[in-house]
Protein backbone atom coordinates (compact mmCIF):
# COMPACT_ATOMS: atom_id res chain seq x y z
CA UNK A 1 51.16 117.22 79.87
CA UNK A 2 49.46 114.66 78.57
CA UNK A 3 52.11 112.54 79.25
CA UNK A 4 52.21 113.87 83.09
CA UNK A 5 48.12 113.22 83.34
CA UNK A 6 48.65 109.46 82.11
CA UNK A 7 51.59 109.45 85.01
CA UNK A 8 49.50 110.26 87.80
CA UNK A 9 46.93 107.94 85.99
CA UNK A 10 49.68 104.70 86.33
CA UNK A 11 50.71 104.93 89.15
CA UNK A 12 47.47 105.69 91.02
CA UNK A 13 46.10 102.48 89.08
CA UNK A 14 48.95 100.62 90.19
CA UNK A 15 47.47 101.51 94.42
CA UNK A 16 44.71 98.89 93.92
CA UNK A 17 44.18 95.37 93.66
CA UNK A 18 42.04 92.59 92.72
CA UNK A 19 38.18 92.82 94.30
CA UNK A 20 38.65 96.60 94.91
CA UNK A 21 35.41 98.82 94.37
CA UNK A 22 37.27 101.98 92.94
CA UNK A 23 34.63 105.35 91.88
CA UNK A 24 36.87 107.82 89.95
CA UNK A 25 35.95 111.18 88.92
CA UNK A 26 36.50 113.29 86.09
CA UNK A 27 39.15 114.23 84.40
CA UNK A 28 42.54 112.91 85.36
CA UNK A 29 40.69 110.37 88.06
CA UNK A 30 38.96 108.54 84.66
CA UNK A 31 42.05 107.93 83.08
CA UNK A 32 42.55 105.63 85.60
CA UNK A 33 40.37 103.06 84.15
CA UNK A 34 43.03 102.31 81.04
CA UNK A 35 45.63 100.75 83.71
CA UNK A 36 43.60 99.41 86.10
CA UNK A 37 44.03 95.43 87.01
CA UNK A 38 41.73 92.70 86.38
CA UNK A 39 39.49 92.48 89.38
CA UNK A 40 39.00 95.33 90.46
CA UNK A 41 35.33 97.02 90.13
CA UNK A 42 34.87 100.59 88.68
CA UNK A 43 31.76 102.21 90.48
CA UNK A 44 30.22 105.22 89.16
CA UNK A 45 28.10 107.57 90.57
CA UNK A 46 25.00 107.98 88.18
CA UNK A 47 24.49 104.02 88.53
CA UNK A 48 27.81 101.70 87.14
CA UNK A 49 29.60 98.60 88.70
CA UNK A 50 31.74 96.94 87.28
CA UNK A 51 32.62 98.62 84.22
CA UNK A 52 36.30 99.23 82.05
CA UNK A 53 37.80 101.09 79.70
CA UNK A 54 37.15 102.27 76.92
CA UNK A 55 35.23 100.61 73.94
CA UNK A 56 37.28 99.61 70.83
CA UNK A 57 36.55 101.73 68.00
CA UNK A 58 33.19 100.98 66.37
CA UNK A 59 31.87 99.40 69.29
CA UNK A 60 30.91 102.28 71.33
CA UNK A 61 27.02 101.20 72.77
CA UNK A 62 26.22 105.20 73.40
CA UNK A 63 24.44 104.23 76.71
CA UNK A 64 27.56 102.77 78.76
CA UNK A 65 28.53 106.04 79.56
CA UNK A 66 30.15 106.65 83.30
CA UNK A 67 29.93 110.17 86.40
CA UNK A 68 31.60 111.75 83.96
CA UNK A 69 30.37 110.99 80.36
CA UNK A 70 32.56 109.15 79.53
CA UNK A 71 31.58 105.93 77.32
CA UNK A 72 32.90 102.92 78.85
CA UNK A 73 32.40 99.35 78.61
CA UNK A 74 30.76 97.36 80.64
CA UNK A 75 32.57 94.10 81.91
CA UNK A 76 30.96 90.59 82.54
CA UNK A 77 29.60 90.57 86.07
CA UNK A 78 29.10 94.33 85.68
CA UNK A 79 25.40 96.17 87.07
CA UNK A 80 23.45 99.03 86.69
CA UNK A 81 21.81 100.83 89.16
CA UNK A 82 19.65 104.10 89.55
CA UNK A 83 21.61 106.83 90.71
CA UNK A 84 19.63 106.08 93.92
CA UNK A 85 21.32 102.32 94.51
CA UNK A 86 25.04 103.82 93.08
CA UNK A 87 25.03 106.33 96.35
CA UNK A 88 23.39 103.92 98.87
CA UNK A 89 26.20 102.60 98.21
CA UNK A 90 29.00 104.83 98.98
CA UNK A 91 26.90 106.35 102.51
CA UNK A 92 27.59 102.37 103.69
CA UNK A 93 31.64 102.72 102.76
CA UNK A 94 32.02 99.65 100.93
CA UNK A 95 33.83 101.98 98.26
CA UNK A 96 37.26 101.18 98.53
CA UNK A 97 38.57 104.58 97.62
CA UNK A 98 37.57 107.44 95.09
CA UNK A 99 40.12 109.07 92.51
CA UNK A 100 39.42 112.50 92.12
CA UNK A 101 40.20 115.87 90.83
CA UNK A 102 40.98 119.59 93.43
CA UNK A 103 41.20 122.90 93.11
CA UNK A 104 43.22 123.17 96.55
CA UNK A 105 44.16 120.31 99.45
CA UNK A 106 45.75 120.81 102.61
CA UNK A 107 48.37 119.74 104.38
CA UNK A 108 45.54 118.69 106.63
CA UNK A 109 43.50 116.63 103.83
CA UNK A 110 41.00 119.21 103.49
CA UNK A 111 40.05 119.32 99.57
CA UNK A 112 38.32 122.48 97.66
CA UNK A 113 37.76 121.29 94.53
CA UNK A 114 33.57 122.39 93.53
CA UNK A 115 33.75 126.32 92.78
CA UNK A 116 36.09 129.10 92.44
CA UNK A 117 34.87 132.44 94.24
CA UNK A 118 33.64 134.53 91.98
CA UNK A 119 33.79 131.95 89.61
CA UNK A 120 30.23 129.99 87.56
CA UNK A 121 28.86 127.66 90.66
CA UNK A 122 28.61 124.49 89.18
CA UNK A 123 27.11 122.90 92.43
CA UNK A 124 28.44 119.67 94.34
CA UNK A 125 27.28 117.47 92.82
CA UNK A 126 28.23 113.71 94.76
CA UNK A 127 32.14 115.34 95.50
CA UNK A 128 30.65 114.89 99.35
CA UNK A 129 29.25 111.93 99.73
CA UNK A 130 32.46 110.62 97.47
CA UNK A 131 35.12 111.30 100.21
CA UNK A 132 33.31 110.78 103.67
CA UNK A 133 31.78 107.63 101.94
CA UNK A 134 34.89 106.10 100.36
CA UNK A 135 37.50 104.42 103.71
CA UNK A 136 40.87 106.19 101.49
CA UNK A 137 40.28 109.40 99.16
CA UNK A 138 42.48 109.72 96.74
CA UNK A 139 43.37 113.18 95.07
CA UNK A 140 45.57 113.62 91.12
CA UNK A 141 45.68 116.43 89.84
CA UNK A 142 48.43 118.52 87.86
CA UNK A 143 50.79 120.32 90.75
CA UNK A 144 50.00 123.55 89.68
CA UNK A 145 47.45 126.16 88.59
CA UNK A 146 47.97 127.65 85.41
CA UNK A 147 49.10 130.73 86.59
CA UNK A 148 51.54 128.63 88.39
CA UNK A 149 50.52 128.99 92.23
CA UNK A 150 50.75 125.69 94.15
CA UNK A 151 47.38 123.85 94.58
CA UNK A 152 48.79 122.51 98.18
CA UNK A 153 48.71 123.92 100.68
CA UNK A 154 48.54 124.58 104.54
CA UNK A 155 45.45 125.34 104.17
CA UNK A 156 42.55 125.52 101.74
CA UNK A 157 41.47 128.65 101.12
CA UNK A 158 38.25 128.24 98.81
CA UNK A 159 34.98 126.38 99.69
CA UNK A 160 35.33 122.85 101.15
CA UNK A 161 34.66 119.50 99.87
CA UNK A 162 35.46 117.86 102.49
CA UNK A 163 38.16 118.10 106.38
CA UNK A 164 40.90 116.46 106.56
CA UNK A 165 39.11 113.22 103.96
CA UNK A 166 42.06 113.20 101.64
CA UNK A 167 44.26 110.54 102.53
CA UNK A 168 47.17 110.46 99.55
CA UNK A 169 47.84 112.97 96.73
CA UNK A 170 49.22 112.55 93.37
CA UNK A 171 50.95 114.98 91.20
CA UNK A 172 53.61 114.88 88.22
CA UNK A 173 56.07 115.74 90.81
CA UNK A 174 54.64 112.65 92.93
CA UNK A 175 52.94 110.77 96.02
CA UNK A 176 52.94 112.54 99.01
CA UNK A 177 50.88 110.93 102.02
CA UNK A 178 48.75 112.43 104.78
CA UNK A 179 49.71 111.78 108.17
CA UNK A 180 49.21 113.09 111.34
CA UNK A 181 52.87 114.63 111.48
CA UNK A 182 52.09 116.65 107.66
CA UNK A 183 52.23 115.65 104.79
CA UNK A 184 55.01 113.31 103.88
CA UNK A 185 57.11 113.00 100.45
CA UNK A 186 56.73 109.18 99.34
CA UNK A 187 57.88 108.79 96.16
CA UNK A 188 59.49 111.75 93.64
CA UNK A 189 58.80 110.69 89.99
CA UNK A 190 62.01 110.11 88.29
CA UNK A 191 64.06 113.67 87.41
CA UNK A 192 62.05 115.37 90.39
CA UNK A 193 64.01 116.80 92.44
CA UNK A 194 63.01 117.38 95.84
CA UNK A 195 63.72 121.51 95.63
CA UNK A 196 62.46 120.98 92.48
CA UNK A 197 58.66 119.52 94.97
CA UNK A 198 59.55 122.16 97.16
CA UNK A 199 59.84 125.25 95.72
CA UNK A 200 55.95 124.61 93.48
CA UNK A 201 54.36 123.94 97.10
CA UNK A 202 52.92 125.76 99.69
CA UNK A 203 52.51 123.18 102.28
CA UNK A 204 55.44 122.58 104.76
CA UNK A 205 56.74 118.69 103.03
CA UNK A 206 58.35 115.73 104.94
CA UNK A 207 60.86 113.97 103.41
CA UNK A 208 61.58 110.65 104.86
CA UNK A 209 65.60 110.95 106.19
């Protein structure tokens, strides 16, 4: 399972180029920082802009943490602000992309990632701002829940974080684009067949001819 998470992170990291400003969420999205190319500025809603990957053992600076509480490095030119400043950047529309996990995503690009009905409610945090403020919203998640049910649905059934905001979904099976026509399969990863992904996805998929 660890390898599949790395596969997802590496694929998403390949989407970005120098000059992009990208916010990474908790979990699989947080792994993307280890594979990002030089020149991409990573943003965290707790106030970091321009952080890098994990520090070498013995070089950890406990005050340098991203929004997920992971100790990171600060790259040359990095800046630190309060949370208000960090969210001002989000709301200004200057984020190239946000990468975050999800509990459910649907074929129209709606996302639910903060509340499971009947479960403990932790609060939405800054996710609603991020999915509405970024130029591109990328979901990084495992294709199915632990009970085997699909996390990619025709219509989300849990409380939404954002309505029709997701552009790309990346799972251990492949890359899926949310289009006006529906959910388009851009790429299936090595060893994954068309039959595999159809069987494990509730939403209707469109395959390129």
